[in-house]
Amino acid sequence: MSEQYPERSQEAREQSGRDLAIMVYLIQAISLFTAVPFFIGVLINYFKRSDVRGTLAESHFRWQIRTFWFWLLWTIVGSLTIWILVGYLILAINWIWVIYRVIRGWLTLVDRRPAY
């Protein structure tokens, strides 16, 4: 006999999405000191993306995913150009940019506003 689970209310979906987004912002903040958690955070974003469709957290997931991909791009570019010293500058700017993205995203989420 199969039981049907009632649909979660919109409010419960919103809260769950906000909780996940906060967790990923925390993971991204930790990633400033070691990169491995960044990959875990983006995997959470991709696996739970369908769960947050139509909620406030959807824009934050998009923000977090884009933060990851641009971080990865500029980390690779910076790492490849370290030998000409400009890579250090690229990596430093990238690090500051991620701090900005995490703080701005987190604050807009706490204010219950979309990331974009």
Protein backbone atom coordinates (compact mmCIF):
# COMPACT_ATOMS: atom_id res chain seq x y z
CA MET A 1 0.00 0.00 0.00
CA SER A 2 1.53 3.27 -1.04
CA GLU A 3 1.09 6.38 1.03
CA GLN A 4 0.89 9.73 -0.60
CA TYR A 5 2.81 12.50 1.01
CA PRO A 6 1.01 15.83 1.14
CA GLU A 7 2.61 18.68 -0.76
CA ARG A 8 4.71 20.91 1.41
CA SER A 9 3.30 24.35 1.92
CA GLN A 10 4.90 27.26 0.10
CA GLU A 11 6.06 28.61 3.46
CA ALA A 12 7.82 25.32 4.28
CA ARG A 13 9.47 25.31 0.84
CA GLU A 14 10.63 28.91 1.34
CA GLN A 15 12.12 28.10 4.76
CA SER A 16 13.82 24.96 3.50
CA GLY A 17 15.28 26.86 0.54
CA ARG A 18 16.54 29.67 2.78
CA ASP A 19 18.14 27.15 5.13
CA LEU A 20 19.93 25.46 2.23
CA ALA A 21 21.09 28.80 0.81
CA ILE A 22 22.44 29.85 4.22
CA MET A 23 24.29 26.55 4.49
CA VAL A 24 25.88 27.04 1.06
CA TYR A 25 26.89 30.63 1.93
CA LEU A 26 28.58 29.23 5.04
CA ILE A 27 30.32 26.58 2.94
CA GLN A 28 31.48 29.26 0.50
CA ALA A 29 32.82 31.36 3.38
CA ILE A 30 34.78 28.36 4.68
CA SER A 31 36.07 27.84 1.13
CA LEU A 32 38.03 31.07 1.39
CA PHE A 33 40.56 29.11 3.42
CA THR A 34 40.40 25.76 1.62
CA ALA A 35 38.80 25.25 -1.79
CA VAL A 36 37.36 21.76 -1.33
CA PRO A 37 34.09 22.85 0.36
CA PHE A 38 33.32 25.12 -2.62
CA PHE A 39 32.75 22.02 -4.74
CA ILE A 40 30.44 20.54 -2.10
CA GLY A 41 28.43 23.76 -1.99
CA VAL A 42 27.88 23.90 -5.74
CA LEU A 43 26.86 20.23 -5.77
CA ILE A 44 24.22 21.01 -3.14
CA ASN A 45 23.04 23.89 -5.35
CA TYR A 46 22.70 21.67 -8.39
CA PHE A 47 21.10 18.70 -6.58
CA LYS A 48 18.56 20.83 -4.71
CA ARG A 49 17.88 23.33 -7.48
CA SER A 50 14.52 21.82 -8.42
CA ASP A 51 13.39 21.91 -4.76
CA VAL A 52 13.74 25.70 -4.60
CA ARG A 53 12.14 26.57 -7.94
CA GLY A 54 9.64 29.35 -7.46
CA THR A 55 11.03 30.40 -4.09
CA LEU A 56 13.22 33.24 -2.94
CA ALA A 57 16.13 30.82 -2.62
CA GLU A 58 16.10 30.16 -6.38
CA SER A 59 17.83 33.48 -7.10
CA HIS A 60 20.34 32.80 -4.32
CA PHE A 61 21.14 29.37 -5.75
CA ARG A 62 21.78 31.02 -9.14
CA TRP A 63 23.99 33.62 -7.38
CA GLN A 64 25.93 30.88 -5.58
CA ILE A 65 26.37 28.77 -8.71
CA ARG A 66 27.67 31.76 -10.68
CA THR A 67 29.97 32.68 -7.80
CA PHE A 68 31.45 29.18 -7.94
CA TRP A 69 32.01 29.12 -11.70
CA PHE A 70 33.58 32.58 -11.85
CA TRP A 71 35.71 31.75 -8.80
CA LEU A 72 36.90 28.58 -10.54
CA LEU A 73 37.63 30.42 -13.82
CA TRP A 74 39.67 33.16 -12.14
CA THR A 75 41.42 30.68 -9.85
CA ILE A 76 42.60 28.74 -12.90
CA VAL A 77 43.63 31.92 -14.76
CA GLY A 78 45.43 33.23 -11.67
CA SER A 79 47.18 29.92 -11.07
CA LEU A 80 48.35 29.71 -14.67
CA THR A 81 49.74 33.25 -14.59
CA ILE A 82 51.55 33.13 -11.25
CA TRP A 83 54.83 32.62 -13.08
CA ILE A 84 54.50 36.13 -14.56
CA LEU A 85 53.46 37.49 -11.14
CA VAL A 86 50.13 38.92 -12.37
CA GLY A 87 48.55 35.68 -11.14
CA TYR A 88 48.99 36.76 -7.53
CA LEU A 89 46.98 39.90 -8.24
CA ILE A 90 44.27 37.91 -10.02
CA LEU A 91 44.04 35.46 -7.13
CA ALA A 92 43.88 38.27 -4.56
CA ILE A 93 41.12 40.10 -6.44
CA ASN A 94 39.27 36.81 -6.89
CA TRP A 95 39.46 36.15 -3.14
CA ILE A 96 38.10 39.62 -2.32
CA TRP A 97 35.35 39.22 -4.92
CA VAL A 98 34.21 35.94 -3.34
CA ILE A 99 34.09 37.61 0.08
CA TYR A 100 31.90 40.34 -1.44
CA ARG A 101 29.59 37.80 -3.12
CA VAL A 102 29.16 35.72 0.04
CA ILE A 103 28.48 38.72 2.28
CA ARG A 104 26.15 40.45 -0.17
CA GLY A 105 24.23 37.26 -0.91
CA TRP A 106 23.94 36.34 2.75
CA LEU A 107 22.70 39.82 3.74
CA THR A 108 20.09 39.94 0.98
CA LEU A 109 18.89 36.47 2.00
CA VAL A 110 18.59 37.54 5.64
CA ASP A 111 16.55 40.53 4.44
CA ARG A 112 14.38 38.07 2.48
CA ARG A 113 15.21 39.70 -0.83
CA PRO A 114 16.26 37.99 -4.07
CA ALA A 115 19.96 37.97 -4.90
CA TYR A 116 19.35 39.75 -8.20
